[in-house]
């Protein structure tokens, strides 16, 4: 009575080991083909990623070029405005100096007029008596 149970147990263990071995072999074989499929699919995925990265780099380069052009235009505009301010400042200084000269000349003429007016009174004074 023990022998059939022992034979049954040994058969059951051998069948279990056989199933486990076959499954491991299938997993190993199909696992390798799955890795190969992924490797075959990877270049296309990597090519897509590289293409997208290239497109992003191109967009970044275009945006950078536009920004550099805009900055250069702003620098030129600022330089021309500073030049105009300098020219205007020079003209303002020249006009202030001219105004000061004319003010002095006007004051001198006013003083000369007063002196001449005083002389005229002195000259007219004895004759009108």
N, C-alpha and C. Protein backbone atom coordinates (compact mmCIF):
# COMPACT_ATOMS: atom_id res chain seq x y z
N UNK A 1 0.80 -1.17 0.00
CA UNK A 1 0.00 0.00 0.00
C UNK A 1 0.86 1.26 0.00
N UNK A 2 1.98 1.17 0.54
CA UNK A 2 2.86 2.33 0.53
C UNK A 2 3.50 2.54 -0.84
N UNK A 3 3.79 1.49 -1.51
CA UNK A 3 4.49 1.63 -2.78
C UNK A 3 3.70 2.44 -3.80
N UNK A 4 2.41 2.24 -4.01
CA UNK A 4 1.70 3.05 -4.99
C UNK A 4 1.69 4.54 -4.59
N UNK A 5 1.64 4.81 -3.31
CA UNK A 5 1.65 6.21 -2.86
C UNK A 5 3.01 6.82 -3.14
N UNK A 6 4.08 6.09 -2.89
CA UNK A 6 5.43 6.59 -3.15
C UNK A 6 5.62 6.81 -4.65
N UNK A 7 5.19 5.82 -5.47
CA UNK A 7 5.32 5.98 -6.92
C UNK A 7 4.49 7.16 -7.42
N UNK A 8 3.30 7.29 -6.85
CA UNK A 8 2.46 8.42 -7.22
C UNK A 8 3.14 9.74 -6.87
N UNK A 9 3.73 9.85 -5.68
CA UNK A 9 4.43 11.05 -5.24
C UNK A 9 5.62 11.36 -6.12
N UNK A 10 6.42 10.31 -6.45
CA UNK A 10 7.58 10.51 -7.32
C UNK A 10 7.13 10.96 -8.70
N UNK A 11 6.10 10.38 -9.24
CA UNK A 11 5.57 10.76 -10.55
C UNK A 11 5.06 12.20 -10.54
N UNK A 12 4.36 12.51 -9.43
CA UNK A 12 3.84 13.87 -9.31
C UNK A 12 4.98 14.89 -9.27
N UNK A 13 6.03 14.62 -8.50
CA UNK A 13 7.20 15.52 -8.41
C UNK A 13 7.90 15.63 -9.76
N UNK A 14 8.09 14.49 -10.45
CA UNK A 14 8.74 14.53 -11.77
C UNK A 14 7.90 15.34 -12.76
N UNK A 15 6.58 15.16 -12.74
CA UNK A 15 5.71 15.92 -13.63
C UNK A 15 5.78 17.42 -13.31
N UNK A 16 5.83 17.74 -12.02
CA UNK A 16 5.94 19.15 -11.61
C UNK A 16 7.25 19.75 -12.10
N UNK A 17 8.36 19.01 -11.88
CA UNK A 17 9.67 19.51 -12.34
C UNK A 17 9.70 19.65 -13.86
N UNK A 18 9.08 18.70 -14.56
CA UNK A 18 9.03 18.77 -16.01
C UNK A 18 8.24 19.99 -16.47
N UNK A 19 7.12 20.26 -15.84
CA UNK A 19 6.30 21.44 -16.21
C UNK A 19 7.07 22.72 -15.92
N UNK A 20 7.71 22.77 -14.75
CA UNK A 20 8.49 23.97 -14.39
C UNK A 20 9.64 24.16 -15.38
N UNK A 21 10.32 23.11 -15.75
CA UNK A 21 11.42 23.20 -16.71
C UNK A 21 10.96 23.67 -18.07
N UNK A 22 9.84 23.12 -18.55
CA UNK A 22 9.31 23.52 -19.86
C UNK A 22 8.90 24.99 -19.83
N UNK A 23 8.25 25.38 -18.76
CA UNK A 23 7.83 26.79 -18.65
C UNK A 23 9.04 27.72 -18.63
N UNK A 24 10.09 27.33 -17.87
CA UNK A 24 11.30 28.15 -17.81
C UNK A 24 11.96 28.23 -19.18
N UNK A 25 12.01 27.11 -19.88
CA UNK A 25 12.60 27.09 -21.22
C UNK A 25 11.79 27.98 -22.18
N UNK A 26 10.47 27.90 -22.12
CA UNK A 26 9.62 28.72 -22.99
C UNK A 26 9.78 30.21 -22.65
N UNK A 27 9.82 30.50 -21.37
CA UNK A 27 9.98 31.89 -20.95
C UNK A 27 11.32 32.44 -21.42
N UNK A 28 12.36 31.61 -21.30
CA UNK A 28 13.69 32.03 -21.72
C UNK A 28 13.71 32.27 -23.23
N UNK A 29 13.13 31.35 -23.97
CA UNK A 29 13.15 31.48 -25.43
C UNK A 29 12.28 32.64 -25.90
N UNK A 30 11.05 32.73 -25.40
CA UNK A 30 10.17 33.82 -25.81
C UNK A 30 10.61 35.14 -25.22
N UNK A 31 11.23 35.10 -24.07
CA UNK A 31 11.77 36.32 -23.48
C UNK A 31 12.86 36.92 -24.34
N UNK A 32 13.70 36.03 -24.90
CA UNK A 32 14.78 36.50 -25.76
C UNK A 32 14.22 37.11 -27.05
N UNK A 33 13.19 36.49 -27.60
CA UNK A 33 12.59 37.04 -28.82
C UNK A 33 11.89 38.36 -28.53
N UNK A 34 11.32 38.48 -27.33
CA UNK A 34 10.69 39.75 -26.95
C UNK A 34 11.75 40.84 -26.84
N UNK A 35 12.91 40.49 -26.29
CA UNK A 35 14.00 41.46 -26.20
C UNK A 35 14.45 41.86 -27.60
N UNK A 36 14.53 40.87 -28.49
CA UNK A 36 14.92 41.17 -29.87
C UNK A 36 13.89 42.09 -30.54
N UNK A 37 12.62 41.81 -30.29
CA UNK A 37 11.58 42.67 -30.85
C UNK A 37 11.71 44.09 -30.32
N UNK A 38 11.98 44.22 -29.04
CA UNK A 38 12.18 45.55 -28.46
C UNK A 38 13.41 46.23 -29.06
N UNK A 39 14.46 45.45 -29.26
CA UNK A 39 15.66 46.02 -29.86
C UNK A 39 15.41 46.46 -31.29
N UNK A 40 14.62 45.68 -32.02
CA UNK A 40 14.29 46.04 -33.39
C UNK A 40 13.40 47.29 -33.38
N UNK A 41 12.46 47.37 -32.44
CA UNK A 41 11.55 48.51 -32.37
C UNK A 41 12.25 49.74 -31.82
N UNK A 42 13.28 49.56 -31.01
CA UNK A 42 13.96 50.68 -30.38
C UNK A 42 14.59 51.65 -31.36
N UNK A 43 15.23 51.20 -32.42
CA UNK A 43 15.81 52.18 -33.33
C UNK A 43 14.77 53.13 -33.92
N UNK A 44 13.60 52.62 -34.24
CA UNK A 44 12.59 53.53 -34.78
C UNK A 44 12.13 54.51 -33.71
N UNK A 45 11.99 54.03 -32.50
CA UNK A 45 11.61 54.92 -31.40
C UNK A 45 12.72 55.93 -31.16
N UNK A 46 13.96 55.45 -31.15
CA UNK A 46 15.10 56.35 -30.95
C UNK A 46 15.20 57.35 -32.10
N UNK A 47 14.90 56.91 -33.31
CA UNK A 47 14.93 57.82 -34.45
C UNK A 47 13.85 58.90 -34.31
N UNK A 48 12.68 58.49 -33.83
CA UNK A 48 11.61 59.46 -33.60
C UNK A 48 12.02 60.47 -32.53
N UNK A 49 12.61 59.97 -31.46
CA UNK A 49 13.06 60.86 -30.39
C UNK A 49 14.13 61.81 -30.90
N UNK A 50 15.09 61.28 -31.69
CA UNK A 50 16.14 62.12 -32.25
C UNK A 50 15.55 63.18 -33.19
N UNK A 51 14.55 62.79 -33.97
CA UNK A 51 13.90 63.74 -34.88
C UNK A 51 13.21 64.84 -34.10
N UNK A 52 12.51 64.48 -33.04
CA UNK A 52 11.84 65.48 -32.21
C UNK A 52 12.85 66.40 -31.55
N UNK A 53 13.95 65.83 -31.07
CA UNK A 53 15.01 66.65 -30.46
C UNK A 53 15.62 67.60 -31.48
N UNK A 54 15.82 67.11 -32.70
CA UNK A 54 16.35 67.97 -33.76
C UNK A 54 15.40 69.11 -34.08
N UNK A 55 14.11 68.80 -34.11
CA UNK A 55 13.11 69.84 -34.37
C UNK A 55 13.11 70.88 -33.25
N UNK A 56 13.18 70.40 -32.01
CA UNK A 56 13.23 71.33 -30.88
C UNK A 56 14.49 72.20 -30.93
N UNK A 57 15.62 71.60 -31.29
CA UNK A 57 16.86 72.37 -31.41
C UNK A 57 16.74 73.42 -32.51
N UNK A 58 16.11 73.06 -33.61
CA UNK A 58 15.92 74.01 -34.71
C UNK A 58 15.02 75.17 -34.27
N UNK A 59 13.94 74.85 -33.57
CA UNK A 59 13.04 75.90 -33.09
C UNK A 59 13.77 76.81 -32.10
N UNK A 60 14.58 76.22 -31.24
CA UNK A 60 15.35 77.01 -30.29
C UNK A 60 16.35 77.90 -31.01
N UNK A 61 16.99 77.39 -32.04
CA UNK A 61 17.96 78.18 -32.80
C UNK A 61 17.27 79.35 -33.50
N UNK A 62 16.09 79.11 -34.07
CA UNK A 62 15.35 80.18 -34.73
C UNK A 62 14.94 81.24 -33.72
N UNK A 63 14.43 80.81 -32.57
CA UNK A 63 14.01 81.76 -31.53
C UNK A 63 15.21 82.57 -31.03
N UNK A 64 16.35 81.91 -30.87
CA UNK A 64 17.56 82.60 -30.42
C UNK A 64 18.01 83.62 -31.45
N UNK A 65 17.96 83.25 -32.72
CA UNK A 65 18.36 84.18 -33.80
C UNK A 65 17.45 85.39 -33.82
N UNK A 66 16.14 85.16 -33.68
CA UNK A 66 15.19 86.29 -33.65
C UNK A 66 15.48 87.19 -32.47
N UNK A 67 15.75 86.61 -31.32
CA UNK A 67 16.05 87.39 -30.13
C UNK A 67 17.32 88.20 -30.32
N UNK A 68 18.36 87.59 -30.89
CA UNK A 68 19.60 88.31 -31.13
C UNK A 68 19.39 89.46 -32.10
N UNK A 69 18.59 89.24 -33.14
CA UNK A 69 18.29 90.31 -34.10
C UNK A 69 17.54 91.44 -33.41
N UNK A 70 16.57 91.09 -32.59
CA UNK A 70 15.80 92.09 -31.87
C UNK A 70 16.70 92.90 -30.92
N UNK A 71 17.60 92.22 -30.22
CA UNK A 71 18.52 92.91 -29.31
C UNK A 71 19.43 93.85 -30.09
N UNK A 72 19.92 93.41 -31.23
CA UNK A 72 20.80 94.27 -32.06
C UNK A 72 20.05 95.50 -32.54
N UNK A 73 18.79 95.33 -32.96
CA UNK A 73 17.99 96.48 -33.39
C UNK A 73 17.78 97.45 -32.24
N UNK A 74 17.51 96.91 -31.06
CA UNK A 74 17.32 97.77 -29.88
C UNK A 74 18.60 98.53 -29.55
N UNK A 75 19.75 97.87 -29.66
CA UNK A 75 21.02 98.55 -29.40
C UNK A 75 21.24 99.68 -30.39
N UNK A 76 20.97 99.43 -31.66
CA UNK A 76 21.13 100.47 -32.67
C UNK A 76 20.20 101.65 -32.41
N UNK A 77 18.96 101.34 -32.06
CA UNK A 77 17.98 102.39 -31.77
C UNK A 77 18.41 103.20 -30.56
N UNK A 78 18.89 102.53 -29.53
CA UNK A 78 19.34 103.22 -28.32
C UNK A 78 20.55 104.10 -28.62
N UNK A 79 21.47 103.59 -29.43
CA UNK A 79 22.65 104.37 -29.78
C UNK A 79 22.25 105.63 -30.56
N UNK A 80 21.31 105.49 -31.50
CA UNK A 80 20.88 106.67 -32.26
C UNK A 80 20.16 107.67 -31.36
N UNK A 81 19.37 107.19 -30.43
CA UNK A 81 18.68 108.09 -29.50
C UNK A 81 19.68 108.80 -28.59
N UNK A 82 20.69 108.09 -28.13
CA UNK A 82 21.72 108.73 -27.30
C UNK A 82 22.49 109.77 -28.09
N UNK A 83 22.73 109.49 -29.36
CA UNK A 83 23.40 110.46 -30.23
C UNK A 83 22.55 111.71 -30.38
N UNK A 84 21.25 111.53 -30.58
CA UNK A 84 20.34 112.68 -30.70
C UNK A 84 20.30 113.47 -29.40
N UNK A 85 20.31 112.79 -28.27
CA UNK A 85 20.32 113.47 -26.98
C UNK A 85 21.60 114.28 -26.82
N UNK A 86 22.72 113.70 -27.23
CA UNK A 86 23.99 114.42 -27.14
C UNK A 86 23.99 115.65 -28.03
N UNK A 87 23.45 115.51 -29.25
CA UNK A 87 23.38 116.64 -30.18
C UNK A 87 22.46 117.73 -29.62
N UNK A 88 21.33 117.31 -29.07
CA UNK A 88 20.40 118.25 -28.48
C UNK A 88 21.03 118.95 -27.28
N UNK A 89 21.78 118.21 -26.48
CA UNK A 89 22.46 118.79 -25.32
C UNK A 89 23.48 119.83 -25.75
N UNK A 90 24.23 119.53 -26.82
CA UNK A 90 25.20 120.49 -27.34
C UNK A 90 24.50 121.76 -27.83
N UNK A 91 23.40 121.57 -28.54
CA UNK A 91 22.64 122.72 -29.04
C UNK A 91 22.08 123.53 -27.87
N UNK A 92 21.64 122.89 -26.84
CA UNK A 92 21.11 123.58 -25.67
C UNK A 92 22.20 124.39 -24.98
N UNK A 93 23.38 123.81 -24.84
CA UNK A 93 24.49 124.55 -24.23
C UNK A 93 24.85 125.76 -25.08
N UNK A 94 24.88 125.58 -26.39
CA UNK A 94 25.19 126.69 -27.30
C UNK A 94 24.14 127.79 -27.19
N UNK A 95 22.84 127.38 -27.13
CA UNK A 95 21.78 128.38 -27.01
C UNK A 95 21.82 129.10 -25.67
N UNK A 96 22.18 128.40 -24.59
CA UNK A 96 22.31 129.04 -23.28
C UNK A 96 23.44 130.07 -23.29
N UNK A 97 24.56 129.71 -23.92
CA UNK A 97 25.69 130.64 -24.00
C UNK A 97 25.30 131.86 -24.84
N UNK A 98 24.59 131.63 -25.94
CA UNK A 98 24.14 132.73 -26.78
C UNK A 98 23.16 133.62 -26.02
N UNK A 99 22.27 133.00 -25.25
CA UNK A 99 21.32 133.77 -24.44
C UNK A 99 22.05 134.61 -23.41
N UNK A 100 23.07 134.02 -22.77
CA UNK A 100 23.84 134.77 -21.78
C UNK A 100 24.56 135.95 -22.45
N UNK A 101 25.14 135.77 -23.63
CA UNK A 101 25.81 136.86 -24.35
C UNK A 101 24.82 137.96 -24.71
N UNK A 102 23.64 137.56 -25.18
CA UNK A 102 22.64 138.56 -25.56
C UNK A 102 22.10 139.29 -24.33
N UNK A 103 21.99 138.57 -23.21
CA UNK A 103 21.54 139.23 -21.97
C UNK A 103 22.54 140.27 -21.53
N UNK A 104 23.84 139.91 -21.63
CA UNK A 104 24.89 140.87 -21.26
C UNK A 104 24.86 142.07 -22.22
N UNK A 105 24.70 141.79 -23.52
CA UNK A 105 24.64 142.88 -24.50
C UNK A 105 23.43 143.76 -24.24
N UNK A 106 22.28 143.15 -23.90
CA UNK A 106 21.07 143.91 -23.60
C UNK A 106 21.27 144.78 -22.37
N UNK A 107 21.91 144.21 -21.34
CA UNK A 107 22.17 144.99 -20.13
C UNK A 107 23.11 146.15 -20.45
N UNK A 108 24.11 145.89 -21.29
CA UNK A 108 25.04 146.97 -21.67
C UNK A 108 24.30 148.05 -22.44
N UNK A 109 23.42 147.64 -23.37
CA UNK A 109 22.65 148.63 -24.13
C UNK A 109 21.70 149.41 -23.23
N UNK A 110 21.11 148.71 -22.25
CA UNK A 110 20.22 149.40 -21.31
C UNK A 110 21.00 150.42 -20.49
N UNK A 111 22.23 150.04 -20.07
CA UNK A 111 23.07 150.97 -19.31
C UNK A 111 23.49 152.15 -20.18
N UNK A 112 23.82 151.89 -21.45
CA UNK A 112 24.23 152.95 -22.37
C UNK A 112 23.05 153.88 -22.64
N UNK A 113 21.85 153.28 -22.77
CA UNK A 113 20.65 154.10 -22.98
C UNK A 113 20.40 155.01 -21.79
N UNK A 114 20.55 154.46 -20.60
CA UNK A 114 20.36 155.28 -19.39
C UNK A 114 21.39 156.40 -19.35
N UNK A 115 22.63 156.06 -19.69
CA UNK A 115 23.67 157.09 -19.69
C UNK A 115 23.36 158.16 -20.73
N UNK A 116 22.96 157.74 -21.92
CA UNK A 116 22.62 158.71 -22.97
C UNK A 116 21.39 159.53 -22.59
N UNK A 117 20.44 158.87 -21.96
CA UNK A 117 19.25 159.57 -21.50
C UNK A 117 19.62 160.62 -20.46
N UNK A 118 20.54 160.23 -19.57
CA UNK A 118 21.03 161.19 -18.56
C UNK A 118 21.76 162.34 -19.22
N UNK A 119 22.57 162.07 -20.21
CA UNK A 119 23.30 163.12 -20.93
C UNK A 119 22.32 164.04 -21.65
N UNK A 120 21.29 163.45 -22.22
CA UNK A 120 20.29 164.24 -22.92
C UNK A 120 19.61 165.19 -21.95
N UNK A 121 19.30 164.77 -20.78
CA UNK A 121 18.67 165.63 -19.77
C UNK A 121 19.62 166.74 -19.36
N UNK A 122 20.88 166.33 -19.21
CA UNK A 122 21.87 167.35 -18.81
C UNK A 122 21.99 168.39 -19.94
N UNK A 123 22.01 167.93 -21.15
CA UNK A 123 22.15 168.84 -22.29
C UNK A 123 20.89 169.68 -22.47
N UNK A 124 19.76 169.15 -22.30
CA UNK A 124 18.51 169.87 -22.47
C UNK A 124 18.21 170.74 -21.25
N UNK A 125 18.74 170.40 -20.14
CA UNK A 125 18.45 171.10 -18.90
C UNK A 125 18.78 172.58 -18.93
N UNK A 126 19.98 173.06 -19.24
CA UNK A 126 20.27 174.48 -19.22
C UNK A 126 19.57 175.24 -20.36
N UNK A 127 19.30 174.63 -21.47
CA UNK A 127 18.69 175.36 -22.58
C UNK A 127 17.20 175.58 -22.34
N UNK A 128 16.56 174.70 -21.59
CA UNK A 128 15.14 174.90 -21.37
C UNK A 128 14.89 175.92 -20.27
N UNK A 129 15.88 176.43 -19.53
CA UNK A 129 15.67 177.42 -18.50
C UNK A 129 15.61 178.74 -19.05
